[in-house]
Amino acid sequence: MAPLTKPLIVVKKGRRELLLYSNDKLVRTYHVGLGLSPVGDKVRAGDRRTPEGDFYIFVKNDKSAFYLSLGLSYPNAPHAERGLRDSLINRSQYEAIIRALKARKTPPQNTRLGGDIYIHGNGSQSDWTWGCVALENEDIRELFDAVTVGTPVTIQP
């Protein structure tokens, strides 16, 4: 694959597709597996839902238990706002999430909102993850090599 200009990842949960764009042009479509509860947005740790919204890649992990992985900046600001409103997190946890997002760093991964949401390998034939987006190993290898930390990711219903 040629080097990407302004890469963007869009996951369409209902179609089980990950779309990779370069400079607003679609360059690849991959089949994906999702969390065991694929319908609806992630609300809390353990709900096994894949979150919806706008994120960015905060880490590229080449030592993943799932072949390779790209860490997503979940929880994002809307998830944190809902979590604070619903008393899943407290004010200091909310502020820590917002600070991390503003700095384009890793948001706290250990609150009641959950965390450790990745795009990773180990197979896309079914919905089997705890909330991640799973690809075939050869597909995550291509994606892993094509994107950088900071790449925007949008996950749609």
C-alpha atoms as a PDB file:
ATOM      1  CA  MET A   1       0.000   0.000   0.000  1.00  0.00           C
ATOM      2  CA  ALA A   2       1.254   3.477  -0.853  1.00  0.00           C
ATOM      3  CA  PRO A   3       1.913   5.881   2.037  1.00  0.00           C
ATOM      4  CA  LEU A   4      -1.296   7.517   3.234  1.00  0.00           C
ATOM      5  CA  THR A   5      -2.011  11.237   3.345  1.00  0.00           C
ATOM      6  CA  LYS A   6      -4.356  12.284   6.161  1.00  0.00           C
ATOM      7  CA  PRO A   7      -5.415   8.724   7.023  1.00  0.00           C
ATOM      8  CA  LEU A   8      -8.871   8.190   8.497  1.00  0.00           C
ATOM      9  CA  ILE A   9     -10.531   5.004   9.754  1.00  0.00           C
ATOM     10  CA  VAL A  10     -14.325   4.613   9.743  1.00  0.00           C
ATOM     11  CA  VAL A  11     -15.939   1.522  11.282  1.00  0.00           C
ATOM     12  CA  LYS A  12     -19.523   0.791  10.259  1.00  0.00           C
ATOM     13  CA  LYS A  13     -20.737  -1.609  12.947  1.00  0.00           C
ATOM     14  CA  GLY A  14     -23.976  -2.610  11.230  1.00  0.00           C
ATOM     15  CA  ARG A  15     -22.106  -3.581   8.046  1.00  0.00           C
ATOM     16  CA  ARG A  16     -19.134  -5.130   9.923  1.00  0.00           C
ATOM     17  CA  GLU A  17     -16.757  -2.998   7.839  1.00  0.00           C
ATOM     18  CA  LEU A  18     -13.671  -0.932   8.518  1.00  0.00           C
ATOM     19  CA  LEU A  19     -13.034   1.671   5.833  1.00  0.00           C
ATOM     20  CA  LEU A  20      -9.562   3.170   5.424  1.00  0.00           C
ATOM     21  CA  TYR A  21      -9.284   6.565   3.762  1.00  0.00           C
ATOM     22  CA  SER A  22      -6.298   8.542   2.517  1.00  0.00           C
ATOM     23  CA  ASN A  23      -6.871  12.228   1.771  1.00  0.00           C
ATOM     24  CA  ASP A  24     -10.663  11.616   1.820  1.00  0.00           C
ATOM     25  CA  LYS A  25     -10.356   8.806  -0.763  1.00  0.00           C
ATOM     26  CA  LEU A  26     -11.376   5.240   0.179  1.00  0.00           C
ATOM     27  CA  VAL A  27      -8.354   2.968  -0.243  1.00  0.00           C
ATOM     28  CA  ARG A  28      -9.393  -0.256   1.576  1.00  0.00           C
ATOM     29  CA  THR A  29     -12.405  -1.977   3.071  1.00  0.00           C
ATOM     30  CA  TYR A  30     -11.932  -4.722   5.664  1.00  0.00           C
ATOM     31  CA  HIS A  31     -14.427  -7.135   7.256  1.00  0.00           C
ATOM     32  CA  VAL A  32     -14.490  -6.887  11.076  1.00  0.00           C
ATOM     33  CA  GLY A  33     -15.806  -8.665  14.137  1.00  0.00           C
ATOM     34  CA  LEU A  34     -17.123  -6.649  17.082  1.00  0.00           C
ATOM     35  CA  GLY A  35     -17.955  -7.071  20.749  1.00  0.00           C
ATOM     36  CA  LEU A  36     -20.211  -9.911  21.877  1.00  0.00           C
ATOM     37  CA  SER A  37     -23.033  -7.340  22.341  1.00  0.00           C
ATOM     38  CA  PRO A  38     -22.588  -5.482  19.050  1.00  0.00           C
ATOM     39  CA  VAL A  39     -25.744  -3.323  19.042  1.00  0.00           C
ATOM     40  CA  GLY A  40     -25.649   0.014  20.849  1.00  0.00           C
ATOM     41  CA  ASP A  41     -22.929   2.214  22.260  1.00  0.00           C
ATOM     42  CA  LYS A  42     -20.540   1.153  25.028  1.00  0.00           C
ATOM     43  CA  VAL A  43     -21.755   2.409  28.403  1.00  0.00           C
ATOM     44  CA  ARG A  44     -19.688   0.644  31.059  1.00  0.00           C
ATOM     45  CA  ALA A  45     -16.919  -1.861  31.697  1.00  0.00           C
ATOM     46  CA  GLY A  46     -18.003  -5.402  30.959  1.00  0.00           C
ATOM     47  CA  ASP A  47     -20.975  -4.629  28.697  1.00  0.00           C
ATOM     48  CA  ARG A  48     -19.067  -6.154  25.752  1.00  0.00           C
ATOM     49  CA  ARG A  49     -20.196  -3.391  23.422  1.00  0.00           C
ATOM     50  CA  THR A  50     -17.995  -1.706  20.836  1.00  0.00           C
ATOM     51  CA  PRO A  51     -18.098   2.055  21.507  1.00  0.00           C
ATOM     52  CA  GLU A  52     -19.476   4.543  18.991  1.00  0.00           C
ATOM     53  CA  GLY A  53     -18.154   8.030  18.300  1.00  0.00           C
ATOM     54  CA  ASP A  54     -14.950   9.813  17.397  1.00  0.00           C
ATOM     55  CA  PHE A  55     -11.600   8.579  18.676  1.00  0.00           C
ATOM     56  CA  TYR A  56      -7.898   8.592  17.749  1.00  0.00           C
ATOM     57  CA  ILE A  57      -5.192   5.966  17.817  1.00  0.00           C
ATOM     58  CA  PHE A  58      -3.126   6.522  20.968  1.00  0.00           C
ATOM     59  CA  VAL A  59      -0.743   3.575  20.626  1.00  0.00           C
ATOM     60  CA  LYS A  60       0.495   1.013  18.122  1.00  0.00           C
ATOM     61  CA  ASN A  61       1.197  -2.258  19.953  1.00  0.00           C
ATOM     62  CA  ASP A  62       3.344  -4.795  18.091  1.00  0.00           C
ATOM     63  CA  LYS A  63       3.420  -7.120  21.126  1.00  0.00           C
ATOM     64  CA  SER A  64      -0.346  -7.615  21.354  1.00  0.00           C
ATOM     65  CA  ALA A  65      -1.897 -10.858  22.584  1.00  0.00           C
ATOM     66  CA  PHE A  66      -4.102 -10.443  19.473  1.00  0.00           C
ATOM     67  CA  TYR A  67      -1.253 -10.311  16.902  1.00  0.00           C
ATOM     68  CA  LEU A  68      -1.088  -6.511  16.478  1.00  0.00           C
ATOM     69  CA  SER A  69      -3.275  -3.785  17.945  1.00  0.00           C
ATOM     70  CA  LEU A  70      -4.124  -0.103  17.655  1.00  0.00           C
ATOM     71  CA  GLY A  71      -5.366   1.513  20.877  1.00  0.00           C
ATOM     72  CA  LEU A  72      -8.456   3.721  20.634  1.00  0.00           C
ATOM     73  CA  SER A  73      -8.994   6.800  22.808  1.00  0.00           C
ATOM     74  CA  TYR A  74     -12.038   5.421  24.606  1.00  0.00           C
ATOM     75  CA  PRO A  75     -13.628   6.863  26.678  1.00  0.00           C
ATOM     76  CA  ASN A  76     -14.085  10.030  24.630  1.00  0.00           C
ATOM     77  CA  ALA A  77     -15.664  13.270  25.912  1.00  0.00           C
ATOM     78  CA  PRO A  78     -19.320  12.279  25.280  1.00  0.00           C
ATOM     79  CA  HIS A  79     -18.768   8.953  27.076  1.00  0.00           C
ATOM     80  CA  ALA A  80     -17.143  10.778  30.000  1.00  0.00           C
ATOM     81  CA  GLU A  81     -19.982  13.335  30.159  1.00  0.00           C
ATOM     82  CA  ARG A  82     -22.613  10.587  30.201  1.00  0.00           C
ATOM     83  CA  GLY A  83     -20.588   8.626  32.781  1.00  0.00           C
ATOM     84  CA  LEU A  84     -20.362  11.656  35.061  1.00  0.00           C
ATOM     85  CA  ARG A  85     -24.078  12.421  34.636  1.00  0.00           C
ATOM     86  CA  ASP A  86     -24.998   8.779  35.417  1.00  0.00           C
ATOM     87  CA  SER A  87     -22.578   8.577  38.389  1.00  0.00           C
ATOM     88  CA  LEU A  88     -20.393   5.896  36.784  1.00  0.00           C
ATOM     89  CA  ILE A  89     -17.363   8.153  37.257  1.00  0.00           C
ATOM     90  CA  ASN A  90     -16.629  11.015  39.621  1.00  0.00           C
ATOM     91  CA  ARG A  91     -15.583  14.585  38.804  1.00  0.00           C
ATOM     92  CA  SER A  92     -11.833  13.903  39.126  1.00  0.00           C
ATOM     93  CA  GLN A  93     -12.062  10.882  36.787  1.00  0.00           C
ATOM     94  CA  TYR A  94     -14.032  12.987  34.314  1.00  0.00           C
ATOM     95  CA  GLU A  95     -11.414  15.750  34.448  1.00  0.00           C
ATOM     96  CA  ALA A  96      -8.574  13.235  33.985  1.00  0.00           C
ATOM     97  CA  ILE A  97     -10.279  11.859  30.861  1.00  0.00           C
ATOM     98  CA  ILE A  98     -10.808  15.357  29.416  1.00  0.00           C
ATOM     99  CA  ARG A  99      -7.184  16.387  30.179  1.00  0.00           C
ATOM    100  CA  ALA A 100      -5.864  13.270  28.424  1.00  0.00           C
ATOM    101  CA  LEU A 101      -8.075  13.856  25.386  1.00  0.00           C
ATOM    102  CA  LYS A 102      -7.043  17.523  25.101  1.00  0.00           C
ATOM    103  CA  ALA A 103      -3.384  16.426  25.196  1.00  0.00           C
ATOM    104  CA  ARG A 104      -4.101  13.615  22.656  1.00  0.00           C
ATOM    105  CA  LYS A 105      -2.851  11.084  25.207  1.00  0.00           C
ATOM    106  CA  THR A 106      -4.289   7.837  26.592  1.00  0.00           C
ATOM    107  CA  PRO A 107      -7.490   8.487  28.559  1.00  0.00           C
ATOM    108  CA  PRO A 108      -7.748   6.599  31.868  1.00  0.00           C
ATOM    109  CA  GLN A 109      -8.489   2.962  31.060  1.00  0.00           C
ATOM    110  CA  ASN A 110      -9.540   1.724  34.496  1.00  0.00           C
ATOM    111  CA  THR A 111     -12.776   3.539  35.317  1.00  0.00           C
ATOM    112  CA  ARG A 112     -16.271   2.043  35.439  1.00  0.00           C
ATOM    113  CA  LEU A 113     -16.674   3.223  31.821  1.00  0.00           C
ATOM    114  CA  GLY A 114     -14.214   0.526  30.743  1.00  0.00           C
ATOM    115  CA  GLY A 115     -11.176   0.789  28.519  1.00  0.00           C
ATOM    116  CA  ASP A 116      -8.657  -1.229  26.558  1.00  0.00           C
ATOM    117  CA  ILE A 117     -10.586  -0.808  23.312  1.00  0.00           C
ATOM    118  CA  TYR A 118      -8.398  -1.767  20.359  1.00  0.00           C
ATOM    119  CA  ILE A 119      -8.478  -2.561  16.682  1.00  0.00           C
ATOM    120  CA  HIS A 120      -6.642  -5.898  16.625  1.00  0.00           C
ATOM    121  CA  GLY A 121      -6.094  -9.223  14.872  1.00  0.00           C
ATOM    122  CA  ASN A 122      -7.058 -12.847  15.589  1.00  0.00           C
ATOM    123  CA  GLY A 123     -10.094 -13.033  13.327  1.00  0.00           C
ATOM    124  CA  SER A 124     -13.149 -11.254  12.001  1.00  0.00           C
ATOM    125  CA  GLN A 125     -15.520 -14.136  11.308  1.00  0.00           C
ATOM    126  CA  SER A 126     -17.785 -13.457  14.298  1.00  0.00           C
ATOM    127  CA  ASP A 127     -18.516 -10.950  17.078  1.00  0.00           C
ATOM    128  CA  TRP A 128     -16.302 -12.302  19.840  1.00  0.00           C
ATOM    129  CA  THR A 129     -14.392  -9.443  21.500  1.00  0.00           C
ATOM    130  CA  TRP A 130     -15.108  -7.641  24.759  1.00  0.00           C
ATOM    131  CA  GLY A 131     -15.723  -4.417  22.785  1.00  0.00           C
ATOM    132  CA  CYS A 132     -12.822  -4.246  20.345  1.00  0.00           C
ATOM    133  CA  VAL A 133     -12.803  -4.274  16.552  1.00  0.00           C
ATOM    134  CA  ALA A 134     -11.193  -7.487  15.255  1.00  0.00           C
ATOM    135  CA  LEU A 135      -9.642  -8.086  11.840  1.00  0.00           C
ATOM    136  CA  GLU A 136      -7.881 -10.974  10.163  1.00  0.00           C
ATOM    137  CA  ASN A 137      -4.140 -10.939  10.944  1.00  0.00           C
ATOM    138  CA  GLU A 138      -3.105 -10.039   7.390  1.00  0.00           C
ATOM    139  CA  ASP A 139      -5.573  -7.112   7.443  1.00  0.00           C
ATOM    140  CA  ILE A 140      -4.397  -5.700  10.794  1.00  0.00           C
ATOM    141  CA  ARG A 141      -0.801  -6.010   9.531  1.00  0.00           C
ATOM    142  CA  GLU A 142      -1.638  -3.857   6.505  1.00  0.00           C
ATOM    143  CA  LEU A 143      -3.610  -1.360   8.600  1.00  0.00           C
ATOM    144  CA  PHE A 144      -0.963  -1.283  11.351  1.00  0.00           C
ATOM    145  CA  ASP A 145       1.713  -0.421   8.777  1.00  0.00           C
ATOM    146  CA  ALA A 146      -0.477   2.204   7.063  1.00  0.00           C
ATOM    147  CA  VAL A 147      -1.524   4.407  10.000  1.00  0.00           C
ATOM    148  CA  THR A 148       0.201   6.451  12.689  1.00  0.00           C
ATOM    149  CA  VAL A 149      -0.509   7.347  16.290  1.00  0.00           C
ATOM    150  CA  GLY A 150      -3.044  10.175  16.166  1.00  0.00           C
ATOM    151  CA  THR A 151      -4.996   8.778  13.194  1.00  0.00           C
ATOM    152  CA  PRO A 152      -8.681   9.646  13.636  1.00  0.00           C
ATOM    153  CA  VAL A 153     -11.161   6.771  14.020  1.00  0.00           C
ATOM    154  CA  THR A 154     -14.947   7.120  13.785  1.00  0.00           C
ATOM    155  CA  ILE A 155     -17.150   4.214  14.856  1.00  0.00           C
ATOM    156  CA  GLN A 156     -20.718   4.381  13.567  1.00  0.00           C
ATOM    157  CA  PRO A 157     -23.731   2.213  14.465  1.00  0.00           C
END
